[in-house]
């Protein structure tokens, strides 16, 4: 049932059709419709390597490309340096933009979910 504070366990696995959801409030995602139709979901790419970390958002394709050429980084981000300053660690990041002038928050939740899935897979070995 729905007794837990943050999760309604009876609604975790059933479909909206099974639950009788109000479809006027439903936001269909074409990707999920394709998966339900039997198509394979998109593959997740995992890149392992050095990344640049700093305290400012990068919005320059030129700067990004120079960092790749000069330092061999596979990504640039701005949060990983903080934990690393305290103790050596592994940083798993989800990518939601190309560090250029076309920055958008549109993919942030997807990137967070995929990095969480990768972290879980790493921990489970």
PDB file of N, CA and C in Angstrom:
ATOM      1  N   UNK A   1       0.786  -1.183   0.000  1.00  0.00           N
ATOM      2  CA  UNK A   1       0.000   0.000   0.000  1.00  0.00           C
ATOM      3  C   UNK A   1       0.834   1.255   0.000  1.00  0.00           C
ATOM      4  N   UNK A   2       0.170   2.344   0.315  1.00  0.00           N
ATOM      5  CA  UNK A   2       0.817   3.658   0.312  1.00  0.00           C
ATOM      6  C   UNK A   2       1.076   4.132   1.735  1.00  0.00           C
ATOM      7  N   UNK A   3       1.694   3.273   2.546  1.00  0.00           N
ATOM      8  CA  UNK A   3       1.920   3.637   3.940  1.00  0.00           C
ATOM      9  C   UNK A   3       3.268   4.297   4.171  1.00  0.00           C
ATOM     10  N   UNK A   4       4.231   4.099   3.266  1.00  0.00           N
ATOM     11  CA  UNK A   4       5.547   4.695   3.460  1.00  0.00           C
ATOM     12  C   UNK A   4       5.488   6.196   3.218  1.00  0.00           C
ATOM     13  N   UNK A   5       6.400   6.925   3.860  1.00  0.00           N
ATOM     14  CA  UNK A   5       6.390   8.381   3.799  1.00  0.00           C
ATOM     15  C   UNK A   5       6.582   8.931   2.388  1.00  0.00           C
ATOM     16  N   UNK A   6       7.501   8.374   1.611  1.00  0.00           N
ATOM     17  CA  UNK A   6       7.826   8.967   0.321  1.00  0.00           C
ATOM     18  C   UNK A   6       7.512   8.102  -0.886  1.00  0.00           C
ATOM     19  N   UNK A   7       7.148   6.828  -0.677  1.00  0.00           N
ATOM     20  CA  UNK A   7       6.944   5.929  -1.807  1.00  0.00           C
ATOM     21  C   UNK A   7       5.638   5.172  -1.636  1.00  0.00           C
ATOM     22  N   UNK A   8       4.838   5.190  -2.666  1.00  0.00           N
ATOM     23  CA  UNK A   8       3.621   4.385  -2.686  1.00  0.00           C
ATOM     24  C   UNK A   8       3.992   3.067  -3.352  1.00  0.00           C
ATOM     25  N   UNK A   9       4.314   2.052  -2.552  1.00  0.00           N
ATOM     26  CA  UNK A   9       4.849   0.798  -3.091  1.00  0.00           C
ATOM     27  C   UNK A   9       3.872   0.082  -4.021  1.00  0.00           C
ATOM     28  N   UNK A  10       2.584   0.299  -3.853  1.00  0.00           N
ATOM     29  CA  UNK A  10       1.627  -0.376  -4.735  1.00  0.00           C
ATOM     30  C   UNK A  10       1.614   0.239  -6.134  1.00  0.00           C
ATOM     31  N   UNK A  11       2.245   1.392  -6.321  1.00  0.00           N
ATOM     32  CA  UNK A  11       2.269   2.048  -7.633  1.00  0.00           C
ATOM     33  C   UNK A  11       3.627   1.970  -8.310  1.00  0.00           C
ATOM     34  N   UNK A  12       4.552   1.184  -7.762  1.00  0.00           N
ATOM     35  CA  UNK A  12       5.903   1.144  -8.317  1.00  0.00           C
ATOM     36  C   UNK A  12       5.960   0.378  -9.636  1.00  0.00           C
ATOM     37  N   UNK A  13       5.352  -0.793  -9.722  1.00  0.00           N
ATOM     38  CA  UNK A  13       5.488  -1.610 -10.929  1.00  0.00           C
ATOM     39  C   UNK A  13       4.288  -1.609 -11.871  1.00  0.00           C
ATOM     40  N   UNK A  14       3.051  -1.409 -11.423  1.00  0.00           N
ATOM     41  CA  UNK A  14       1.930  -1.446 -12.371  1.00  0.00           C
ATOM     42  C   UNK A  14       2.007  -0.309 -13.393  1.00  0.00           C
ATOM     43  N   UNK A  15       1.395  -0.533 -14.551  1.00  0.00           N
ATOM     44  CA  UNK A  15       1.322   0.513 -15.564  1.00  0.00           C
ATOM     45  C   UNK A  15       0.222   1.501 -15.187  1.00  0.00           C
ATOM     46  N   UNK A  16       0.201   2.627 -15.874  1.00  0.00           N
ATOM     47  CA  UNK A  16      -0.861   3.606 -15.638  1.00  0.00           C
ATOM     48  C   UNK A  16      -2.227   3.019 -15.977  1.00  0.00           C
ATOM     49  N   UNK A  17      -2.273   2.180 -17.024  1.00  0.00           N
ATOM     50  CA  UNK A  17      -3.538   1.534 -17.382  1.00  0.00           C
ATOM     51  C   UNK A  17      -4.035   0.656 -16.239  1.00  0.00           C
ATOM     52  N   UNK A  18      -3.130  -0.103 -15.622  1.00  0.00           N
ATOM     53  CA  UNK A  18      -3.502  -0.985 -14.510  1.00  0.00           C
ATOM     54  C   UNK A  18      -3.948  -0.191 -13.286  1.00  0.00           C
ATOM     55  N   UNK A  19      -3.334   0.970 -13.073  1.00  0.00           N
ATOM     56  CA  UNK A  19      -3.675   1.787 -11.912  1.00  0.00           C
ATOM     57  C   UNK A  19      -4.898   2.664 -12.140  1.00  0.00           C
ATOM     58  N   UNK A  20      -5.306   2.812 -13.401  1.00  0.00           N
ATOM     59  CA  UNK A  20      -6.439   3.675 -13.712  1.00  0.00           C
ATOM     60  C   UNK A  20      -6.094   5.151 -13.599  1.00  0.00           C
ATOM     61  N   UNK A  21      -4.887   5.501 -13.999  1.00  0.00           N
ATOM     62  CA  UNK A  21      -4.448   6.897 -13.927  1.00  0.00           C
ATOM     63  C   UNK A  21      -5.312   7.784 -14.819  1.00  0.00           C
ATOM     64  N   UNK A  22      -5.437   9.038 -14.442  1.00  0.00           N
ATOM     65  CA  UNK A  22      -6.137  10.028 -15.252  1.00  0.00           C
ATOM     66  C   UNK A  22      -5.234  10.383 -16.430  1.00  0.00           C
ATOM     67  N   UNK A  23      -5.551   9.880 -17.618  1.00  0.00           N
ATOM     68  CA  UNK A  23      -4.673  10.071 -18.776  1.00  0.00           C
ATOM     69  C   UNK A  23      -4.616  11.522 -19.245  1.00  0.00           C
ATOM     70  N   UNK A  24      -5.543  12.356 -18.795  1.00  0.00           N
ATOM     71  CA  UNK A  24      -5.444  13.774 -19.164  1.00  0.00           C
ATOM     72  C   UNK A  24      -4.281  14.440 -18.440  1.00  0.00           C
ATOM     73  N   UNK A  25      -3.792  13.823 -17.371  1.00  0.00           N
ATOM     74  CA  UNK A  25      -2.657  14.355 -16.618  1.00  0.00           C
ATOM     75  C   UNK A  25      -1.343  13.672 -16.992  1.00  0.00           C
ATOM     76  N   UNK A  26      -1.416  12.692 -17.880  1.00  0.00           N
ATOM     77  CA  UNK A  26      -0.252  11.901 -18.245  1.00  0.00           C
ATOM     78  C   UNK A  26       0.570  12.595 -19.321  1.00  0.00           C
ATOM     79  N   UNK A  27       1.880  12.653 -19.118  1.00  0.00           N
ATOM     80  CA  UNK A  27       2.793  13.196 -20.122  1.00  0.00           C
ATOM     81  C   UNK A  27       3.489  12.009 -20.776  1.00  0.00           C
ATOM     82  N   UNK A  28       3.046  11.648 -21.964  1.00  0.00           N
ATOM     83  CA  UNK A  28       3.614  10.506 -22.686  1.00  0.00           C
ATOM     84  C   UNK A  28       5.032  10.816 -23.128  1.00  0.00           C
ATOM     85  N   UNK A  29       5.896   9.823 -23.006  1.00  0.00           N
ATOM     86  CA  UNK A  29       7.270   9.946 -23.483  1.00  0.00           C
ATOM     87  C   UNK A  29       7.427   8.974 -24.644  1.00  0.00           C
ATOM     88  N   UNK A  30       7.676   9.501 -25.851  1.00  0.00           N
ATOM     89  CA  UNK A  30       7.775   8.630 -27.031  1.00  0.00           C
ATOM     90  C   UNK A  30       8.780   7.494 -26.860  1.00  0.00           C
ATOM     91  N   UNK A  31       9.882   7.743 -26.166  1.00  0.00           N
ATOM     92  CA  UNK A  31      10.886   6.696 -25.973  1.00  0.00           C
ATOM     93  C   UNK A  31      10.273   5.513 -25.236  1.00  0.00           C
ATOM     94  N   UNK A  32       9.477   5.768 -24.210  1.00  0.00           N
ATOM     95  CA  UNK A  32       8.856   4.677 -23.456  1.00  0.00           C
ATOM     96  C   UNK A  32       7.822   3.944 -24.301  1.00  0.00           C
ATOM     97  N   UNK A  33       7.112   4.669 -25.152  1.00  0.00           N
ATOM     98  CA  UNK A  33       6.158   4.012 -26.050  1.00  0.00           C
ATOM     99  C   UNK A  33       6.880   3.043 -26.972  1.00  0.00           C
ATOM    100  N   UNK A  34       8.076   3.414 -27.444  1.00  0.00           N
ATOM    101  CA  UNK A  34       8.847   2.524 -28.319  1.00  0.00           C
ATOM    102  C   UNK A  34       9.298   1.281 -27.554  1.00  0.00           C
ATOM    103  N   UNK A  35       9.694   1.454 -26.291  1.00  0.00           N
ATOM    104  CA  UNK A  35      10.128   0.312 -25.481  1.00  0.00           C
ATOM    105  C   UNK A  35       8.956  -0.635 -25.258  1.00  0.00           C
ATOM    106  N   UNK A  36       7.782  -0.086 -24.937  1.00  0.00           N
ATOM    107  CA  UNK A  36       6.593  -0.909 -24.731  1.00  0.00           C
ATOM    108  C   UNK A  36       6.251  -1.662 -26.012  1.00  0.00           C
ATOM    109  N   UNK A  37       6.506  -1.043 -27.170  1.00  0.00           N
ATOM    110  CA  UNK A  37       6.213  -1.680 -28.455  1.00  0.00           C
ATOM    111  C   UNK A  37       7.231  -2.762 -28.803  1.00  0.00           C
ATOM    112  N   UNK A  38       8.234  -2.965 -27.953  1.00  0.00           N
ATOM    113  CA  UNK A  38       9.185  -4.037 -28.170  1.00  0.00           C
ATOM    114  C   UNK A  38      10.531  -3.611 -28.714  1.00  0.00           C
ATOM    115  N   UNK A  39      10.714  -2.319 -28.973  1.00  0.00           N
ATOM    116  CA  UNK A  39      12.012  -1.857 -29.457  1.00  0.00           C
ATOM    117  C   UNK A  39      13.017  -1.870 -28.313  1.00  0.00           C
ATOM    118  N   UNK A  40      14.264  -2.060 -28.657  1.00  0.00           N
ATOM    119  CA  UNK A  40      15.326  -2.040 -27.652  1.00  0.00           C
ATOM    120  C   UNK A  40      15.530  -0.614 -27.149  1.00  0.00           C
ATOM    121  N   UNK A  41      15.742  -0.433 -25.850  1.00  0.00           N
ATOM    122  CA  UNK A  41      16.029   0.912 -25.336  1.00  0.00           C
ATOM    123  C   UNK A  41      17.403   1.377 -25.809  1.00  0.00           C
ATOM    124  N   UNK A  42      17.603   2.679 -25.786  1.00  0.00           N
ATOM    125  CA  UNK A  42      18.889   3.242 -26.198  1.00  0.00           C
ATOM    126  C   UNK A  42      19.989   2.748 -25.267  1.00  0.00           C
ATOM    127  N   UNK A  43      21.152   2.494 -25.840  1.00  0.00           N
ATOM    128  CA  UNK A  43      22.304   2.051 -25.050  1.00  0.00           C
ATOM    129  C   UNK A  43      22.868   3.229 -24.268  1.00  0.00           C
ATOM    130  N   UNK A  44      23.390   2.948 -23.113  1.00  0.00           N
ATOM    131  CA  UNK A  44      24.036   3.953 -22.281  1.00  0.00           C
ATOM    132  C   UNK A  44      25.537   3.857 -22.506  1.00  0.00           C
ATOM    133  N   UNK A  45      26.178   4.965 -22.836  1.00  0.00           N
ATOM    134  CA  UNK A  45      27.625   4.980 -23.033  1.00  0.00           C
ATOM    135  C   UNK A  45      28.306   5.408 -21.746  1.00  0.00           C
ATOM    136  N   UNK A  46      29.319   4.666 -21.341  1.00  0.00           N
ATOM    137  CA  UNK A  46      30.103   5.002 -20.154  1.00  0.00           C
ATOM    138  C   UNK A  46      31.525   5.297 -20.606  1.00  0.00           C
ATOM    139  N   UNK A  47      32.020   6.470 -20.258  1.00  0.00           N
ATOM    140  CA  UNK A  47      33.382   6.870 -20.593  1.00  0.00           C
ATOM    141  C   UNK A  47      34.192   6.913 -19.310  1.00  0.00           C
ATOM    142  N   UNK A  48      35.343   6.280 -19.329  1.00  0.00           N
ATOM    143  CA  UNK A  48      36.231   6.280 -18.169  1.00  0.00           C
ATOM    144  C   UNK A  48      37.471   7.067 -18.560  1.00  0.00           C
ATOM    145  N   UNK A  49      37.855   8.005 -17.723  1.00  0.00           N
ATOM    146  CA  UNK A  49      39.050   8.782 -18.035  1.00  0.00           C
ATOM    147  C   UNK A  49      39.159  10.020 -17.177  1.00  0.00           C
ATOM    148  N   UNK A  50      40.116  10.808 -17.509  1.00  0.00           N
ATOM    149  CA  UNK A  50      40.401  12.045 -16.783  1.00  0.00           C
ATOM    150  C   UNK A  50      39.389  13.118 -17.179  1.00  0.00           C
ATOM    151  N   UNK A  51      38.948  13.895 -16.187  1.00  0.00           N
ATOM    152  CA  UNK A  51      38.092  15.028 -16.515  1.00  0.00           C
ATOM    153  C   UNK A  51      38.599  16.266 -15.807  1.00  0.00           C
ATOM    154  N   UNK A  52      38.311  17.398 -16.411  1.00  0.00           N
ATOM    155  CA  UNK A  52      38.698  18.670 -15.821  1.00  0.00           C
ATOM    156  C   UNK A  52      37.637  19.120 -14.846  1.00  0.00           C
ATOM    157  N   UNK A  53      38.054  19.653 -13.722  1.00  0.00           N
ATOM    158  CA  UNK A  53      37.108  20.116 -12.717  1.00  0.00           C
ATOM    159  C   UNK A  53      37.510  21.504 -12.259  1.00  0.00           C
ATOM    160  N   UNK A  54      36.549  22.386 -12.147  1.00  0.00           N
ATOM    161  CA  UNK A  54      36.833  23.746 -11.711  1.00  0.00           C
ATOM    162  C   UNK A  54      35.653  24.333 -10.974  1.00  0.00           C
ATOM    163  N   UNK A  55      35.734  25.608 -10.678  1.00  0.00           N
ATOM    164  CA  UNK A  55      34.681  26.244  -9.892  1.00  0.00           C
ATOM    165  C   UNK A  55      33.802  27.174 -10.726  1.00  0.00           C
ATOM    166  N   UNK A  56      33.825  27.034 -12.051  1.00  0.00           N
ATOM    167  CA  UNK A  56      33.003  27.879 -12.918  1.00  0.00           C
ATOM    168  C   UNK A  56      32.366  27.028 -14.016  1.00  0.00           C
ATOM    169  N   UNK A  57      31.165  27.411 -14.409  1.00  0.00           N
ATOM    170  CA  UNK A  57      30.473  26.736 -15.502  1.00  0.00           C
ATOM    171  C   UNK A  57      31.195  27.064 -16.805  1.00  0.00           C
ATOM    172  N   UNK A  58      31.430  26.057 -17.631  1.00  0.00           N
ATOM    173  CA  UNK A  58      32.084  26.259 -18.929  1.00  0.00           C
ATOM    174  C   UNK A  58      31.005  26.393 -19.996  1.00  0.00           C
ATOM    175  N   UNK A  59      31.060  27.491 -20.740  1.00  0.00           N
ATOM    176  CA  UNK A  59      30.107  27.726 -21.827  1.00  0.00           C
ATOM    177  C   UNK A  59      30.843  28.084 -23.113  1.00  0.00           C
ATOM    178  N   UNK A  60      31.970  27.472 -23.315  1.00  0.00           N
ATOM    179  CA  UNK A  60      32.791  27.795 -24.478  1.00  0.00           C
ATOM    180  C   UNK A  60      33.285  26.518 -25.143  1.00  0.00           C
ATOM    181  N   UNK A  61      32.817  26.298 -26.370  1.00  0.00           N
ATOM    182  CA  UNK A  61      33.294  25.154 -27.128  1.00  0.00           C
ATOM    183  C   UNK A  61      34.790  25.237 -27.395  1.00  0.00           C
ATOM    184  N   UNK A  62      35.298  26.456 -27.610  1.00  0.00           N
ATOM    185  CA  UNK A  62      36.739  26.636 -27.836  1.00  0.00           C
ATOM    186  C   UNK A  62      37.541  26.210 -26.617  1.00  0.00           C
ATOM    187  N   UNK A  63      37.128  26.653 -25.430  1.00  0.00           N
ATOM    188  CA  UNK A  63      37.829  26.293 -24.193  1.00  0.00           C
ATOM    189  C   UNK A  63      37.760  24.783 -23.971  1.00  0.00           C
ATOM    190  N   UNK A  64      36.571  24.217 -24.162  1.00  0.00           N
ATOM    191  CA  UNK A  64      36.385  22.773 -24.000  1.00  0.00           C
ATOM    192  C   UNK A  64      37.333  22.003 -24.913  1.00  0.00           C
ATOM    193  N   UNK A  65      37.371  22.387 -26.183  1.00  0.00           N
ATOM    194  CA  UNK A  65      38.231  21.693 -27.141  1.00  0.00           C
ATOM    195  C   UNK A  65      39.706  21.839 -26.789  1.00  0.00           C
ATOM    196  N   UNK A  66      40.104  23.008 -26.281  1.00  0.00           N
ATOM    197  CA  UNK A  66      41.498  23.215 -25.869  1.00  0.00           C
ATOM    198  C   UNK A  66      41.843  22.319 -24.685  1.00  0.00           C
ATOM    199  N   UNK A  67      40.926  22.181 -23.731  1.00  0.00           N
ATOM    200  CA  UNK A  67      41.156  21.300 -22.576  1.00  0.00           C
ATOM    201  C   UNK A  67      41.328  19.849 -23.037  1.00  0.00           C
ATOM    202  N   UNK A  68      40.528  19.432 -24.004  1.00  0.00           N
ATOM    203  CA  UNK A  68      40.641  18.074 -24.537  1.00  0.00           C
ATOM    204  C   UNK A  68      42.009  17.881 -25.185  1.00  0.00           C
ATOM    205  N   UNK A  69      42.408  18.833 -26.030  1.00  0.00           N
ATOM    206  CA  UNK A  69      43.703  18.724 -26.724  1.00  0.00           C
ATOM    207  C   UNK A  69      44.885  18.758 -25.763  1.00  0.00           C
ATOM    208  N   UNK A  70      44.882  19.731 -24.848  1.00  0.00           N
ATOM    209  CA  UNK A  70      46.048  19.954 -23.994  1.00  0.00           C
ATOM    210  C   UNK A  70      46.140  18.996 -22.809  1.00  0.00           C
ATOM    211  N   UNK A  71      44.999  18.523 -22.320  1.00  0.00           N
ATOM    212  CA  UNK A  71      45.015  17.720 -21.093  1.00  0.00           C
ATOM    213  C   UNK A  71      44.410  16.328 -21.258  1.00  0.00           C
ATOM    214  N   UNK A  72      43.868  16.028 -22.419  1.00  0.00           N
ATOM    215  CA  UNK A  72      43.314  14.700 -22.667  1.00  0.00           C
ATOM    216  C   UNK A  72      42.098  14.362 -21.826  1.00  0.00           C
ATOM    217  N   UNK A  73      41.308  15.365 -21.463  1.00  0.00           N
ATOM    218  CA  UNK A  73      40.125  15.108 -20.637  1.00  0.00           C
ATOM    219  C   UNK A  73      38.987  14.555 -21.491  1.00  0.00           C
ATOM    220  N   UNK A  74      38.133  13.741 -20.871  1.00  0.00           N
ATOM    221  CA  UNK A  74      36.950  13.227 -21.557  1.00  0.00           C
ATOM    222  C   UNK A  74      35.719  14.060 -21.220  1.00  0.00           C
ATOM    223  N   UNK A  75      35.839  14.927 -20.193  1.00  0.00           N
ATOM    224  CA  UNK A  75      34.718  15.770 -19.782  1.00  0.00           C
ATOM    225  C   UNK A  75      35.223  16.918 -18.916  1.00  0.00           C
ATOM    226  N   UNK A  76      34.360  17.910 -18.752  1.00  0.00           N
ATOM    227  CA  UNK A  76      34.638  19.043 -17.871  1.00  0.00           C
ATOM    228  C   UNK A  76      33.434  19.189 -16.953  1.00  0.00           C
ATOM    229  N   UNK A  77      33.686  19.366 -15.674  1.00  0.00           N
ATOM    230  CA  UNK A  77      32.582  19.510 -14.720  1.00  0.00           C
ATOM    231  C   UNK A  77      32.998  20.450 -13.601  1.00  0.00           C
ATOM    232  N   UNK A  78      32.080  20.745 -12.669  1.00  0.00           N
ATOM    233  CA  UNK A  78      32.425  21.727 -11.648  1.00  0.00           C
ATOM    234  C   UNK A  78      32.134  21.311 -10.210  1.00  0.00           C
ATOM    235  N   UNK A  79      31.764  20.074  -9.951  1.00  0.00           N
ATOM    236  CA  UNK A  79      31.505  19.668  -8.572  1.00  0.00           C
ATOM    237  C   UNK A  79      32.499  18.657  -8.018  1.00  0.00           C
ATOM    238  N   UNK A  80      33.148  17.892  -8.856  1.00  0.00           N
ATOM    239  CA  UNK A  80      33.990  16.781  -8.421  1.00  0.00           C
ATOM    240  C   UNK A  80      35.231  17.169  -7.655  1.00  0.00           C
ATOM    241  N   UNK A  81      35.735  18.377  -7.870  1.00  0.00           N
ATOM    242  CA  UNK A  81      36.967  18.788  -7.191  1.00  0.00           C
ATOM    243  C   UNK A  81      36.755  18.916  -5.684  1.00  0.00           C
ATOM    244  N   UNK A  82      35.565  19.269  -5.259  1.00  0.00           N
ATOM    245  CA  UNK A  82      35.292  19.442  -3.828  1.00  0.00           C
ATOM    246  C   UNK A  82      35.552  18.191  -3.015  1.00  0.00           C
ATOM    247  N   UNK A  83      34.889  17.070  -3.319  1.00  0.00           N
ATOM    248  CA  UNK A  83      35.162  15.842  -2.565  1.00  0.00           C
ATOM    249  C   UNK A  83      36.614  15.391  -2.692  1.00  0.00           C
ATOM    250  N   UNK A  84      37.205  15.546  -3.885  1.00  0.00           N
ATOM    251  CA  UNK A  84      38.580  15.108  -4.109  1.00  0.00           C
ATOM    252  C   UNK A  84      39.541  15.869  -3.213  1.00  0.00           C
ATOM    253  N   UNK A  85      39.259  17.132  -2.919  1.00  0.00           N
ATOM    254  CA  UNK A  85      40.124  17.910  -2.027  1.00  0.00           C
ATOM    255  C   UNK A  85      40.160  17.309  -0.629  1.00  0.00           C
ATOM    256  N   UNK A  86      39.066  16.654  -0.215  1.00  0.00           N
ATOM    257  CA  UNK A  86      38.999  16.059   1.117  1.00  0.00           C
ATOM    258  C   UNK A  86      39.659  14.702   1.199  1.00  0.00           C
ATOM    259  N   UNK A  87      39.496  13.886   0.176  1.00  0.00           N
ATOM    260  CA  UNK A  87      40.061  12.530   0.158  1.00  0.00           C
ATOM    261  C   UNK A  87      39.997  11.994  -1.263  1.00  0.00           C
ATOM    262  N   UNK A  88      40.975  11.188  -1.655  1.00  0.00           N
ATOM    263  CA  UNK A  88      40.903  10.578  -2.986  1.00  0.00           C
ATOM    264  C   UNK A  88      39.617   9.759  -3.110  1.00  0.00           C
ATOM    265  N   UNK A  89      38.959   9.867  -4.244  1.00  0.00           N
ATOM    266  CA  UNK A  89      37.680   9.186  -4.418  1.00  0.00           C
ATOM    267  C   UNK A  89      37.408   8.957  -5.899  1.00  0.00           C
ATOM    268  N   UNK A  90      36.350   8.238  -6.180  1.00  0.00           N
ATOM    269  CA  UNK A  90      35.880   8.042  -7.545  1.00  0.00           C
ATOM    270  C   UNK A  90      34.701   8.984  -7.744  1.00  0.00           C
ATOM    271  N   UNK A  91      34.708   9.719  -8.831  1.00  0.00           N
ATOM    272  CA  UNK A  91      33.611  10.630  -9.142  1.00  0.00           C
ATOM    273  C   UNK A  91      32.890  10.088 -10.372  1.00  0.00           C
ATOM    274  N   UNK A  92      31.593   9.853 -10.246  1.00  0.00           N
ATOM    275  CA  UNK A  92      30.773   9.388 -11.362  1.00  0.00           C
ATOM    276  C   UNK A  92      29.865  10.546 -11.755  1.00  0.00           C
ATOM    277  N   UNK A  93      29.933  10.946 -13.010  1.00  0.00           N
ATOM    278  CA  UNK A  93      29.171  12.103 -13.476  1.00  0.00           C
ATOM    279  C   UNK A  93      28.255  11.715 -14.629  1.00  0.00           C
ATOM    280  N   UNK A  94      27.103  12.327 -14.681  1.00  0.00           N
ATOM    281  CA  UNK A  94      26.221  12.214 -15.833  1.00  0.00           C
ATOM    282  C   UNK A  94      26.367  13.474 -16.670  1.00  0.00           C
ATOM    283  N   UNK A  95      26.426  13.329 -17.971  1.00  0.00           N
ATOM    284  CA  UNK A  95      26.623  14.476 -18.856  1.00  0.00           C
ATOM    285  C   UNK A  95      25.277  14.961 -19.381  1.00  0.00           C
ATOM    286  N   UNK A  96      25.021  16.269 -19.249  1.00  0.00           N
ATOM    287  CA  UNK A  96      23.749  16.814 -19.716  1.00  0.00           C
ATOM    288  C   UNK A  96      23.921  17.934 -20.734  1.00  0.00           C
ATOM    289  N   UNK A  97      25.165  18.295 -21.070  1.00  0.00           N
ATOM    290  CA  UNK A  97      25.388  19.312 -22.093  1.00  0.00           C
ATOM    291  C   UNK A  97      26.792  19.153 -22.650  1.00  0.00           C
ATOM    292  N   UNK A  98      27.125  19.975 -23.606  1.00  0.00           N
ATOM    293  CA  UNK A  98      28.419  19.866 -24.277  1.00  0.00           C
ATOM    294  C   UNK A  98      29.388  20.969 -23.863  1.00  0.00           C
ATOM    295  N   UNK A  99      29.152  21.631 -22.735  1.00  0.00           N
ATOM    296  CA  UNK A  99      30.025  22.697 -22.230  1.00  0.00           C
ATOM    297  C   UNK A  99      30.250  23.766 -23.291  1.00  0.00           C
ATOM    298  N   UNK A 100      29.164  24.173 -23.937  1.00  0.00           N
ATOM    299  CA  UNK A 100      29.271  25.236 -24.927  1.00  0.00           C
ATOM    300  C   UNK A 100      28.164  26.258 -24.692  1.00  0.00           C
ATOM    301  N   UNK A 101      27.938  27.128 -25.643  1.00  0.00           N
ATOM    302  CA  UNK A 101      26.965  28.204 -25.460  1.00  0.00           C
ATOM    303  C   UNK A 101      25.515  27.734 -25.543  1.00  0.00           C
ATOM    304  N   UNK A 102      25.283  26.470 -25.850  1.00  0.00           N
ATOM    305  CA  UNK A 102      23.920  25.941 -25.962  1.00  0.00           C
ATOM    306  C   UNK A 102      23.497  25.208 -24.694  1.00  0.00           C
ATOM    307  N   UNK A 103      23.937  25.684 -23.562  1.00  0.00           N
ATOM    308  CA  UNK A 103      23.673  25.045 -22.277  1.00  0.00           C
ATOM    309  C   UNK A 103      22.172  25.062 -21.978  1.00  0.00           C
ATOM    310  N   UNK A 104      21.677  23.942 -21.471  1.00  0.00           N
ATOM    311  CA  UNK A 104      20.267  23.823 -21.117  1.00  0.00           C
ATOM    312  C   UNK A 104      20.146  22.876 -19.932  1.00  0.00           C
ATOM    313  N   UNK A 105      19.157  23.096 -19.093  1.00  0.00           N
ATOM    314  CA  UNK A 105      18.930  22.211 -17.941  1.00  0.00           C
ATOM    315  C   UNK A 105      18.029  21.034 -18.308  1.00  0.00           C
ATOM    316  N   UNK A 106      17.627  20.954 -19.555  1.00  0.00           N
ATOM    317  CA  UNK A 106      16.648  19.960 -19.998  1.00  0.00           C
ATOM    318  C   UNK A 106      17.037  18.525 -19.666  1.00  0.00           C
ATOM    319  N   UNK A 107      18.317  18.182 -19.756  1.00  0.00           N
ATOM    320  CA  UNK A 107      18.747  16.798 -19.584  1.00  0.00           C
ATOM    321  C   UNK A 107      19.341  16.507 -18.207  1.00  0.00           C
ATOM    322  N   UNK A 108      19.288  17.453 -17.273  1.00  0.00           N
ATOM    323  CA  UNK A 108      19.936  17.252 -15.974  1.00  0.00           C
ATOM    324  C   UNK A 108      19.380  16.063 -15.199  1.00  0.00           C
ATOM    325  N   UNK A 109      18.089  15.897 -15.165  1.00  0.00           N
ATOM    326  CA  UNK A 109      17.509  14.774 -14.404  1.00  0.00           C
ATOM    327  C   UNK A 109      17.869  13.426 -15.027  1.00  0.00           C
ATOM    328  N   UNK A 110      17.867  13.375 -16.351  1.00  0.00           N
ATOM    329  CA  UNK A 110      18.262  12.142 -17.032  1.00  0.00           C
ATOM    330  C   UNK A 110      19.721  11.821 -16.725  1.00  0.00           C
ATOM    331  N   UNK A 111      20.585  12.828 -16.783  1.00  0.00           N
ATOM    332  CA  UNK A 111      22.007  12.628 -16.489  1.00  0.00           C
ATOM    333  C   UNK A 111      22.192  12.160 -15.049  1.00  0.00           C
ATOM    334  N   UNK A 112      21.433  12.728 -14.124  1.00  0.00           N
ATOM    335  CA  UNK A 112      21.527  12.315 -12.722  1.00  0.00           C
ATOM    336  C   UNK A 112      21.083  10.861 -12.553  1.00  0.00           C
ATOM    337  N   UNK A 113      20.010  10.487 -13.225  1.00  0.00           N
ATOM    338  CA  UNK A 113      19.518   9.107 -13.123  1.00  0.00           C
ATOM    339  C   UNK A 113      20.515   8.114 -13.714  1.00  0.00           C
ATOM    340  N   UNK A 114      21.115   8.455 -14.852  1.00  0.00           N
ATOM    341  CA  UNK A 114      22.068   7.525 -15.458  1.00  0.00           C
ATOM    342  C   UNK A 114      23.338   7.415 -14.629  1.00  0.00           C
ATOM    343  N   UNK A 115      23.802   8.521 -14.051  1.00  0.00           N
ATOM    344  CA  UNK A 115      25.004   8.421 -13.210  1.00  0.00           C
ATOM    345  C   UNK A 115      24.704   7.627 -11.940  1.00  0.00           C
ATOM    346  N   UNK A 116      23.487   7.737 -11.419  1.00  0.00           N
ATOM    347  CA  UNK A 116      23.107   6.929 -10.258  1.00  0.00           C
ATOM    348  C   UNK A 116      23.082   5.445 -10.628  1.00  0.00           C
ATOM    349  N   UNK A 117      22.576   5.123 -11.819  1.00  0.00           N
ATOM    350  CA  UNK A 117      22.541   3.729 -12.265  1.00  0.00           C
ATOM    351  C   UNK A 117      23.948   3.170 -12.443  1.00  0.00           C
ATOM    352  N   UNK A 118      24.849   3.969 -12.999  1.00  0.00           N
ATOM    353  CA  UNK A 118      26.235   3.522 -13.173  1.00  0.00           C
ATOM    354  C   UNK A 118      26.900   3.334 -11.815  1.00  0.00           C
ATOM    355  N   UNK A 119      26.674   4.260 -10.891  1.00  0.00           N
ATOM    356  CA  UNK A 119      27.247   4.138  -9.547  1.00  0.00           C
ATOM    357  C   UNK A 119      26.760   2.856  -8.876  1.00  0.00           C
ATOM    358  N   UNK A 120      25.476   2.569  -8.997  1.00  0.00           N
ATOM    359  CA  UNK A 120      24.916   1.344  -8.422  1.00  0.00           C
ATOM    360  C   UNK A 120      25.578   0.111  -9.034  1.00  0.00           C
ATOM    361  N   UNK A 121      25.754   0.115 -10.347  1.00  0.00           N
ATOM    362  CA  UNK A 121      26.396  -1.023 -11.016  1.00  0.00           C
ATOM    363  C   UNK A 121      27.837  -1.197 -10.547  1.00  0.00           C
ATOM    364  N   UNK A 122      28.556  -0.101 -10.356  1.00  0.00           N
ATOM    365  CA  UNK A 122      29.937  -0.177  -9.861  1.00  0.00           C
ATOM    366  C   UNK A 122      29.963  -0.788  -8.464  1.00  0.00           C
ATOM    367  N   UNK A 123      29.080  -0.326  -7.598  1.00  0.00           N
ATOM    368  CA  UNK A 123      29.061  -0.816  -6.215  1.00  0.00           C
ATOM    369  C   UNK A 123      28.645  -2.281  -6.128  1.00  0.00           C
ATOM    370  N   UNK A 124      27.771  -2.712  -7.030  1.00  0.00           N
ATOM    371  CA  UNK A 124      27.328  -4.107  -7.020  1.00  0.00           C
ATOM    372  C   UNK A 124      28.360  -5.035  -7.642  1.00  0.00           C
ATOM    373  N   UNK A 125      29.334  -4.443  -8.346  1.00  0.00           N
ATOM    374  CA  UNK A 125      30.441  -5.207  -8.921  1.00  0.00           C
ATOM    375  C   UNK A 125      30.022  -6.020 -10.073  1.00  0.00           C
TER     376      UNK A 125
END
